[in-house]
C-alpha atoms as a PDB file:
ATOM      1  CA  UNK A   1      -3.203  16.136  -8.574  1.00  0.00           C
ATOM      2  CA  UNK A   2      -5.097  17.191  -5.456  1.00  0.00           C
ATOM      3  CA  UNK A   3      -3.831  16.887  -1.855  1.00  0.00           C
ATOM      4  CA  UNK A   4      -4.775  13.718   0.017  1.00  0.00           C
ATOM      5  CA  UNK A   5      -4.882  12.494   3.591  1.00  0.00           C
ATOM      6  CA  UNK A   6      -3.357   9.115   2.724  1.00  0.00           C
ATOM      7  CA  UNK A   7      -0.953   8.251  -0.082  1.00  0.00           C
ATOM      8  CA  UNK A   8      -0.290   4.575  -0.779  1.00  0.00           C
ATOM      9  CA  UNK A   9       2.828   3.907  -2.836  1.00  0.00           C
ATOM     10  CA  UNK A  10       3.040   0.696  -4.831  1.00  0.00           C
ATOM     11  CA  UNK A  11       6.211  -0.618  -6.460  1.00  0.00           C
ATOM     12  CA  UNK A  12       4.123  -2.438  -9.073  1.00  0.00           C
ATOM     13  CA  UNK A  13       0.480  -1.783  -9.991  1.00  0.00           C
ATOM     14  CA  UNK A  14      -1.023  -4.547  -7.820  1.00  0.00           C
ATOM     15  CA  UNK A  15       1.118  -4.342  -4.661  1.00  0.00           C
ATOM     16  CA  UNK A  16      -1.149  -2.039  -2.672  1.00  0.00           C
ATOM     17  CA  UNK A  17      -4.240  -4.061  -3.558  1.00  0.00           C
ATOM     18  CA  UNK A  18      -2.465  -7.214  -2.371  1.00  0.00           C
ATOM     19  CA  UNK A  19      -1.414  -5.702   0.949  1.00  0.00           C
ATOM     20  CA  UNK A  20      -3.817  -3.014   2.130  1.00  0.00           C
ATOM     21  CA  UNK A  21      -6.765  -2.520  -0.216  1.00  0.00           C
ATOM     22  CA  UNK A  22      -9.263  -2.986   2.596  1.00  0.00           C
ATOM     23  CA  UNK A  23      -7.618  -0.264   4.662  1.00  0.00           C
ATOM     24  CA  UNK A  24      -7.953   2.143   1.736  1.00  0.00           C
ATOM     25  CA  UNK A  25     -11.618   1.292   1.151  1.00  0.00           C
ATOM     26  CA  UNK A  26     -12.365   1.943   4.824  1.00  0.00           C
ATOM     27  CA  UNK A  27     -10.450   5.227   4.740  1.00  0.00           C
ATOM     28  CA  UNK A  28     -12.470   6.430   1.755  1.00  0.00           C
ATOM     29  CA  UNK A  29     -15.719   5.473   3.499  1.00  0.00           C
ATOM     30  CA  UNK A  30     -14.573   7.414   6.557  1.00  0.00           C
ATOM     31  CA  UNK A  31     -14.348  10.536   4.408  1.00  0.00           C
ATOM     32  CA  UNK A  32     -10.578  10.608   3.973  1.00  0.00           C
ATOM     33  CA  UNK A  33      -9.011  11.488   0.636  1.00  0.00           C
ATOM     34  CA  UNK A  34      -6.773   8.714  -0.664  1.00  0.00           C
ATOM     35  CA  UNK A  35      -4.300   8.694  -3.551  1.00  0.00           C
ATOM     36  CA  UNK A  36      -2.312   5.861  -5.125  1.00  0.00           C
ATOM     37  CA  UNK A  37       1.071   6.082  -6.827  1.00  0.00           C
ATOM     38  CA  UNK A  38       2.684   3.220  -8.727  1.00  0.00           C
ATOM     39  CA  UNK A  39       6.443   3.642  -8.962  1.00  0.00           C
ATOM     40  CA  UNK A  40       6.580   1.474 -12.093  1.00  0.00           C
ATOM     41  CA  UNK A  41       4.095   0.241 -14.688  1.00  0.00           C
ATOM     42  CA  UNK A  42       5.083  -3.374 -14.011  1.00  0.00           C
ATOM     43  CA  UNK A  43       6.552  -3.704 -17.485  1.00  0.00           C
ATOM     44  CA  UNK A  44       8.982  -6.455 -16.459  1.00  0.00           C
ATOM     45  CA  UNK A  45       6.185  -8.811 -15.388  1.00  0.00           C
ATOM     46  CA  UNK A  46       5.761 -12.171 -17.106  1.00  0.00           C
ATOM     47  CA  UNK A  47       2.120 -11.445 -17.907  1.00  0.00           C
ATOM     48  CA  UNK A  48       0.301  -8.357 -19.135  1.00  0.00           C
ATOM     49  CA  UNK A  49       1.507  -5.455 -21.256  1.00  0.00           C
ATOM     50  CA  UNK A  50       2.167  -2.034 -19.683  1.00  0.00           C
ATOM     51  CA  UNK A  51      -0.927  -0.667 -21.449  1.00  0.00           C
ATOM     52  CA  UNK A  52      -3.132  -3.466 -20.132  1.00  0.00           C
ATOM     53  CA  UNK A  53      -1.715  -3.125 -16.644  1.00  0.00           C
ATOM     54  CA  UNK A  54      -2.504   0.608 -16.650  1.00  0.00           C
ATOM     55  CA  UNK A  55      -6.104  -0.192 -17.596  1.00  0.00           C
ATOM     56  CA  UNK A  56      -6.336  -2.759 -14.814  1.00  0.00           C
ATOM     57  CA  UNK A  57      -4.789  -0.336 -12.316  1.00  0.00           C
ATOM     58  CA  UNK A  58      -7.356   2.310 -13.243  1.00  0.00           C
ATOM     59  CA  UNK A  59     -10.198  -0.167 -12.725  1.00  0.00           C
ATOM     60  CA  UNK A  60      -8.765  -1.279  -9.384  1.00  0.00           C
ATOM     61  CA  UNK A  61      -8.559   2.368  -8.289  1.00  0.00           C
ATOM     62  CA  UNK A  62     -12.199   2.847  -9.262  1.00  0.00           C
ATOM     63  CA  UNK A  63     -13.207  -0.160  -7.169  1.00  0.00           C
ATOM     64  CA  UNK A  64     -11.206   1.123  -4.205  1.00  0.00           C
ATOM     65  CA  UNK A  65     -12.874   4.528  -4.529  1.00  0.00           C
ATOM     66  CA  UNK A  66      -9.654   6.550  -4.322  1.00  0.00           C
ATOM     67  CA  UNK A  67      -9.388  10.155  -5.495  1.00  0.00           C
ATOM     68  CA  UNK A  68      -6.670   9.481  -8.064  1.00  0.00           C
ATOM     69  CA  UNK A  69      -3.943   7.113  -9.182  1.00  0.00           C
ATOM     70  CA  UNK A  70      -0.707   7.958 -10.982  1.00  0.00           C
ATOM     71  CA  UNK A  71       2.385   6.150 -12.262  1.00  0.00           C
ATOM     72  CA  UNK A  72       5.902   7.567 -11.987  1.00  0.00           C
ATOM     73  CA  UNK A  73       7.227   5.219 -14.701  1.00  0.00           C
ATOM     74  CA  UNK A  74      10.388   4.287 -12.830  1.00  0.00           C
ATOM     75  CA  UNK A  75      12.126   1.241 -14.342  1.00  0.00           C
ATOM     76  CA  UNK A  76      10.573  -2.039 -13.216  1.00  0.00           C
ATOM     77  CA  UNK A  77      13.298  -4.376 -11.998  1.00  0.00           C
ATOM     78  CA  UNK A  78      15.703  -1.503 -11.433  1.00  0.00           C
ATOM     79  CA  UNK A  79      14.083   0.498  -8.643  1.00  0.00           C
ATOM     80  CA  UNK A  80      16.866   2.168  -6.674  1.00  0.00           C
ATOM     81  CA  UNK A  81      17.661   4.819  -4.112  1.00  0.00           C
ATOM     82  CA  UNK A  82      19.261   7.155  -6.671  1.00  0.00           C
ATOM     83  CA  UNK A  83      18.857  10.921  -7.194  1.00  0.00           C
ATOM     84  CA  UNK A  84      17.191  10.310 -10.559  1.00  0.00           C
ATOM     85  CA  UNK A  85      14.485   8.226  -8.896  1.00  0.00           C
ATOM     86  CA  UNK A  86      14.235  10.095  -5.594  1.00  0.00           C
ATOM     87  CA  UNK A  87      13.432  13.474  -7.158  1.00  0.00           C
ATOM     88  CA  UNK A  88      10.124  12.397  -8.808  1.00  0.00           C
ATOM     89  CA  UNK A  89       8.982  10.927  -5.492  1.00  0.00           C
ATOM     90  CA  UNK A  90       9.849  14.159  -3.659  1.00  0.00           C
ATOM     91  CA  UNK A  91       7.823  16.094  -6.225  1.00  0.00           C
ATOM     92  CA  UNK A  92       4.919  13.675  -5.733  1.00  0.00           C
ATOM     93  CA  UNK A  93       4.948  14.103  -1.948  1.00  0.00           C
ATOM     94  CA  UNK A  94       5.067  17.892  -2.225  1.00  0.00           C
ATOM     95  CA  UNK A  95       2.095  17.896  -4.580  1.00  0.00           C
ATOM     96  CA  UNK A  96      -0.022  15.251  -2.831  1.00  0.00           C
ATOM     97  CA  UNK A  97       0.933  16.447   0.695  1.00  0.00           C
ATOM     98  CA  UNK A  98      -0.237  13.293   2.506  1.00  0.00           C
ATOM     99  CA  UNK A  99      -0.491  13.037   6.258  1.00  0.00           C
ATOM    100  CA  UNK A 100      -0.068   9.256   6.180  1.00  0.00           C
ATOM    101  CA  UNK A 101       2.198   7.413   3.762  1.00  0.00           C
ATOM    102  CA  UNK A 102       1.807   3.674   3.093  1.00  0.00           C
ATOM    103  CA  UNK A 103       4.857   1.993   1.590  1.00  0.00           C
ATOM    104  CA  UNK A 104       6.525  -1.417   1.202  1.00  0.00           C
ATOM    105  CA  UNK A 105       8.345  -3.192   4.006  1.00  0.00           C
ATOM    106  CA  UNK A 106      12.127  -2.580   3.832  1.00  0.00           C
ATOM    107  CA  UNK A 107      12.997  -6.252   4.461  1.00  0.00           C
ATOM    108  CA  UNK A 108      10.718  -7.603   1.735  1.00  0.00           C
ATOM    109  CA  UNK A 109      12.337 -10.425  -0.258  1.00  0.00           C
ATOM    110  CA  UNK A 110      11.456  -8.801  -3.600  1.00  0.00           C
ATOM    111  CA  UNK A 111      14.460  -6.564  -4.396  1.00  0.00           C
ATOM    112  CA  UNK A 112      12.291  -3.873  -5.996  1.00  0.00           C
ATOM    113  CA  UNK A 113      10.043  -3.724  -2.931  1.00  0.00           C
ATOM    114  CA  UNK A 114      12.956  -3.391  -0.509  1.00  0.00           C
ATOM    115  CA  UNK A 115      14.556  -0.755  -2.734  1.00  0.00           C
ATOM    116  CA  UNK A 116      11.251   1.101  -3.013  1.00  0.00           C
ATOM    117  CA  UNK A 117      10.990   1.300   0.782  1.00  0.00           C
ATOM    118  CA  UNK A 118      14.426   2.916   1.017  1.00  0.00           C
ATOM    119  CA  UNK A 119      13.657   5.197  -1.928  1.00  0.00           C
ATOM    120  CA  UNK A 120      10.375   6.453  -0.464  1.00  0.00           C
ATOM    121  CA  UNK A 121      11.844   6.882   3.031  1.00  0.00           C
ATOM    122  CA  UNK A 122      14.645   9.036   1.596  1.00  0.00           C
ATOM    123  CA  UNK A 123      12.168  11.058  -0.457  1.00  0.00           C
ATOM    124  CA  UNK A 124       9.952  11.623   2.596  1.00  0.00           C
ATOM    125  CA  UNK A 125      12.957  12.910   4.543  1.00  0.00           C
ATOM    126  CA  UNK A 126      14.135  15.256   1.782  1.00  0.00           C
ATOM    127  CA  UNK A 127      10.628  16.492   0.917  1.00  0.00           C
ATOM    128  CA  UNK A 128      10.442  18.341   4.231  1.00  0.00           C
ATOM    129  CA  UNK A 129      13.683  20.286   3.677  1.00  0.00           C
ATOM    130  CA  UNK A 130      13.157  23.825   2.392  1.00  0.00           C
ATOM    131  CA  UNK A 131      16.561  23.936   0.749  1.00  0.00           C
ATOM    132  CA  UNK A 132      16.070  20.790  -1.326  1.00  0.00           C
ATOM    133  CA  UNK A 133      14.601  21.246  -4.794  1.00  0.00           C
ATOM    134  CA  UNK A 134      11.494  22.985  -6.037  1.00  0.00           C
ATOM    135  CA  UNK A 135       8.058  23.084  -4.473  1.00  0.00           C
ATOM    136  CA  UNK A 136       6.802  23.827  -0.995  1.00  0.00           C
ATOM    137  CA  UNK A 137       8.322  21.522   1.656  1.00  0.00           C
ATOM    138  CA  UNK A 138       6.044  18.901   3.144  1.00  0.00           C
ATOM    139  CA  UNK A 139       6.474  16.664   6.197  1.00  0.00           C
ATOM    140  CA  UNK A 140       4.543  13.394   6.318  1.00  0.00           C
ATOM    141  CA  UNK A 141       3.132  12.701   9.780  1.00  0.00           C
ATOM    142  CA  UNK A 142       3.345   8.914   9.747  1.00  0.00           C
ATOM    143  CA  UNK A 143       4.951   6.205   7.593  1.00  0.00           C
ATOM    144  CA  UNK A 144       3.320   2.765   7.703  1.00  0.00           C
ATOM    145  CA  UNK A 145       4.888  -0.264   6.031  1.00  0.00           C
ATOM    146  CA  UNK A 146       2.441  -2.776   4.580  1.00  0.00           C
ATOM    147  CA  UNK A 147       3.115  -6.514   4.454  1.00  0.00           C
ATOM    148  CA  UNK A 148       4.390  -7.976   1.183  1.00  0.00           C
ATOM    149  CA  UNK A 149       6.307 -11.213   0.666  1.00  0.00           C
ATOM    150  CA  UNK A 150       8.098 -11.032   4.021  1.00  0.00           C
ATOM    151  CA  UNK A 151       5.913 -11.735   7.081  1.00  0.00           C
ATOM    152  CA  UNK A 152       6.343  -9.559  10.150  1.00  0.00           C
ATOM    153  CA  UNK A 153       4.773  -8.936  13.540  1.00  0.00           C
ATOM    154  CA  UNK A 154       2.523  -5.940  12.820  1.00  0.00           C
ATOM    155  CA  UNK A 155       2.494  -2.924  15.097  1.00  0.00           C
ATOM    156  CA  UNK A 156      -1.115  -2.195  14.164  1.00  0.00           C
ATOM    157  CA  UNK A 157      -3.841  -4.249  12.497  1.00  0.00           C
ATOM    158  CA  UNK A 158      -6.796  -2.709  10.675  1.00  0.00           C
ATOM    159  CA  UNK A 159     -10.039  -4.714  10.823  1.00  0.00           C
ATOM    160  CA  UNK A 160     -11.101  -5.112   7.173  1.00  0.00           C
ATOM    161  CA  UNK A 161     -13.696  -7.833   7.757  1.00  0.00           C
ATOM    162  CA  UNK A 162     -16.610  -5.674   6.607  1.00  0.00           C
ATOM    163  CA  UNK A 163     -14.983  -4.829   3.265  1.00  0.00           C
ATOM    164  CA  UNK A 164     -13.202  -8.086   2.481  1.00  0.00           C
ATOM    165  CA  UNK A 165     -15.232  -8.905  -0.631  1.00  0.00           C
ATOM    166  CA  UNK A 166     -14.796  -5.399  -2.053  1.00  0.00           C
ATOM    167  CA  UNK A 167     -11.085  -5.511  -1.262  1.00  0.00           C
ATOM    168  CA  UNK A 168     -10.657  -8.777  -3.162  1.00  0.00           C
ATOM    169  CA  UNK A 169     -12.700  -7.422  -6.074  1.00  0.00           C
ATOM    170  CA  UNK A 170     -10.241  -4.533  -6.365  1.00  0.00           C
ATOM    171  CA  UNK A 171      -7.323  -6.970  -6.357  1.00  0.00           C
ATOM    172  CA  UNK A 172      -8.926  -9.118  -9.042  1.00  0.00           C
ATOM    173  CA  UNK A 173      -9.200  -6.106 -11.333  1.00  0.00           C
ATOM    174  CA  UNK A 174      -5.579  -7.030 -12.124  1.00  0.00           C
ATOM    175  CA  UNK A 175      -6.859  -9.985 -14.131  1.00  0.00           C
ATOM    176  CA  UNK A 176      -3.711 -10.396 -16.221  1.00  0.00           C
ATOM    177  CA  UNK A 177      -1.792 -11.259 -13.064  1.00  0.00           C
ATOM    178  CA  UNK A 178      -4.225 -13.538 -11.259  1.00  0.00           C
ATOM    179  CA  UNK A 179      -6.430 -15.350 -13.792  1.00  0.00           C
ATOM    180  CA  UNK A 180      -5.173 -18.883 -14.342  1.00  0.00           C
ATOM    181  CA  UNK A 181      -6.538 -19.421 -17.846  1.00  0.00           C
ATOM    182  CA  UNK A 182      -4.526 -16.840 -19.788  1.00  0.00           C
ATOM    183  CA  UNK A 183      -0.821 -16.287 -20.392  1.00  0.00           C
ATOM    184  CA  UNK A 184       2.211 -18.057 -19.010  1.00  0.00           C
ATOM    185  CA  UNK A 185       1.706 -19.635 -15.581  1.00  0.00           C
ATOM    186  CA  UNK A 186       3.221 -17.760 -12.649  1.00  0.00           C
ATOM    187  CA  UNK A 187       3.180 -18.035  -8.875  1.00  0.00           C
ATOM    188  CA  UNK A 188       0.475 -15.352  -8.785  1.00  0.00           C
ATOM    189  CA  UNK A 189      -1.792 -17.068 -11.331  1.00  0.00           C
ATOM    190  CA  UNK A 190      -1.770 -20.285  -9.332  1.00  0.00           C
ATOM    191  CA  UNK A 191      -5.058 -20.412  -7.427  1.00  0.00           C
ATOM    192  CA  UNK A 192      -3.197 -21.154  -4.213  1.00  0.00           C
ATOM    193  CA  UNK A 193      -1.707 -17.645  -4.194  1.00  0.00           C
ATOM    194  CA  UNK A 194      -5.073 -15.999  -3.531  1.00  0.00           C
ATOM    195  CA  UNK A 195      -5.618 -18.475  -0.714  1.00  0.00           C
ATOM    196  CA  UNK A 196      -2.307 -17.290   0.729  1.00  0.00           C
ATOM    197  CA  UNK A 197      -3.521 -13.675   0.531  1.00  0.00           C
ATOM    198  CA  UNK A 198      -6.605 -14.565   2.545  1.00  0.00           C
ATOM    199  CA  UNK A 199      -4.650 -16.755   4.967  1.00  0.00           C
ATOM    200  CA  UNK A 200      -2.407 -13.828   5.853  1.00  0.00           C
ATOM    201  CA  UNK A 201      -5.439 -11.599   6.407  1.00  0.00           C
ATOM    202  CA  UNK A 202      -7.008 -14.269   8.607  1.00  0.00           C
ATOM    203  CA  UNK A 203      -3.757 -14.513  10.591  1.00  0.00           C
ATOM    204  CA  UNK A 204      -3.560 -10.756  11.104  1.00  0.00           C
ATOM    205  CA  UNK A 205      -7.256 -10.638  11.932  1.00  0.00           C
ATOM    206  CA  UNK A 206      -6.859 -13.378  14.534  1.00  0.00           C
ATOM    207  CA  UNK A 207      -4.335 -11.187  16.337  1.00  0.00           C
ATOM    208  CA  UNK A 208      -7.166  -8.798  17.221  1.00  0.00           C
ATOM    209  CA  UNK A 209     -10.042 -11.287  17.258  1.00  0.00           C
ATOM    210  CA  UNK A 210     -11.652 -10.524  13.880  1.00  0.00           C
ATOM    211  CA  UNK A 211     -12.139 -12.404  10.612  1.00  0.00           C
ATOM    212  CA  UNK A 212      -9.754 -10.418   8.389  1.00  0.00           C
ATOM    213  CA  UNK A 213      -7.067  -7.858   9.157  1.00  0.00           C
ATOM    214  CA  UNK A 214      -4.329  -5.919   7.396  1.00  0.00           C
ATOM    215  CA  UNK A 215      -1.137  -5.422   9.382  1.00  0.00           C
ATOM    216  CA  UNK A 216       1.372  -2.583   9.264  1.00  0.00           C
ATOM    217  CA  UNK A 217       4.847  -2.059  10.698  1.00  0.00           C
ATOM    218  CA  UNK A 218       6.033   1.319  11.972  1.00  0.00           C
ATOM    219  CA  UNK A 219       9.328   2.932  12.805  1.00  0.00           C
ATOM    220  CA  UNK A 220       9.121   5.059  15.919  1.00  0.00           C
ATOM    221  CA  UNK A 221       6.415   5.486  18.553  1.00  0.00           C
ATOM    222  CA  UNK A 222       2.915   6.845  18.105  1.00  0.00           C
ATOM    223  CA  UNK A 223       2.177   9.931  20.191  1.00  0.00           C
ATOM    224  CA  UNK A 224      -1.171   9.971  22.012  1.00  0.00           C
ATOM    225  CA  UNK A 225      -2.807  12.697  24.065  1.00  0.00           C
ATOM    226  CA  UNK A 226      -4.139  10.156  26.562  1.00  0.00           C
ATOM    227  CA  UNK A 227      -4.153   6.444  27.348  1.00  0.00           C
ATOM    228  CA  UNK A 228      -7.906   6.391  26.750  1.00  0.00           C
ATOM    229  CA  UNK A 229      -7.209   6.448  23.016  1.00  0.00           C
ATOM    230  CA  UNK A 230      -6.041   2.840  23.334  1.00  0.00           C
ATOM    231  CA  UNK A 231      -9.439   1.701  24.608  1.00  0.00           C
ATOM    232  CA  UNK A 232     -11.335  -0.422  22.043  1.00  0.00           C
ATOM    233  CA  UNK A 233     -14.833   0.507  20.896  1.00  0.00           C
ATOM    234  CA  UNK A 234     -17.650  -0.966  22.947  1.00  0.00           C
ATOM    235  CA  UNK A 235     -19.780  -3.826  21.676  1.00  0.00           C
ATOM    236  CA  UNK A 236     -19.011  -6.638  19.233  1.00  0.00           C
ATOM    237  CA  UNK A 237     -16.070  -4.710  17.721  1.00  0.00           C
ATOM    238  CA  UNK A 238     -14.174  -4.650  21.029  1.00  0.00           C
ATOM    239  CA  UNK A 239     -10.876  -5.921  19.654  1.00  0.00           C
ATOM    240  CA  UNK A 240      -8.891  -8.431  21.657  1.00  0.00           C
ATOM    241  CA  UNK A 241      -5.146  -8.883  21.546  1.00  0.00           C
ATOM    242  CA  UNK A 242      -4.301 -12.530  20.852  1.00  0.00           C
ATOM    243  CA  UNK A 243      -0.730 -11.901  19.642  1.00  0.00           C
END
C-alpha cells in the first residue's frame, strides 16, 4: 500500500461510487494519488456474493483510475465504534497517510454508514497520537463527509459535469446491485434509484450553477491564506451560488 493524497472510505463496496465517484476521477486527472478502502465486503447484501462484489469493486476502481483499493473485511451489518474495528482503520491511515479523508455522513439513515462515520472519525483522531499503537503517527488534514441516504446542505460542491458519464460507468461496474434483470429485486435494482442518484447530483450542481455536482459536509472551518482563494475561475466555469 502506497501513500495517497486522498483516501475515500466506503462502508460497502459501492458507497463511494454512489456518492463521490466524480470527485475521485477529477482528483486522479489533476495528478493526485487516490486510494479506496471498503470497510466490509458487503456480504450481508441481498444480491451478489462477496467474491463477485470484490470483482465488481476492482473493476469500479479501475474505471475510477485510483492507485489502489483494499477491503478491511469488517462485519457487514455490524460496523461499530469498537477497539477491534478501530485498530485496523488506524493501521490503514498510518500506512496510506492521506491528506484528505472522505467518509460517510454521521447522520445517515443506514446504521452501518452512521457507525462507519463515528468509527473513522475516532480512528483519525487516534492515528495522530504517538502513544497509541504501532506505526508512525499520521494526522489527516481534512475530513469531508459525502452524501448518502440522508440529504444535507453541503459546505462545498465539486463540479463533476465533465466526468458524469465516466462516474456513472464506475458505479455501474457494481452490476449485481443495480441491474434489474438478475437476482431478487431491491430498492437499488429499481431503475428509479439511478434517477435519484442523478437528481441529487443535479440538485447539488444547481447550487453552484452547473449540470452535476457532488456535495460534502465538513466539521470545522477551512483555513485560507487570503480571501482571493474564494474567487471563482474566470470564464464559463465561474460558479454561482444559488443556495
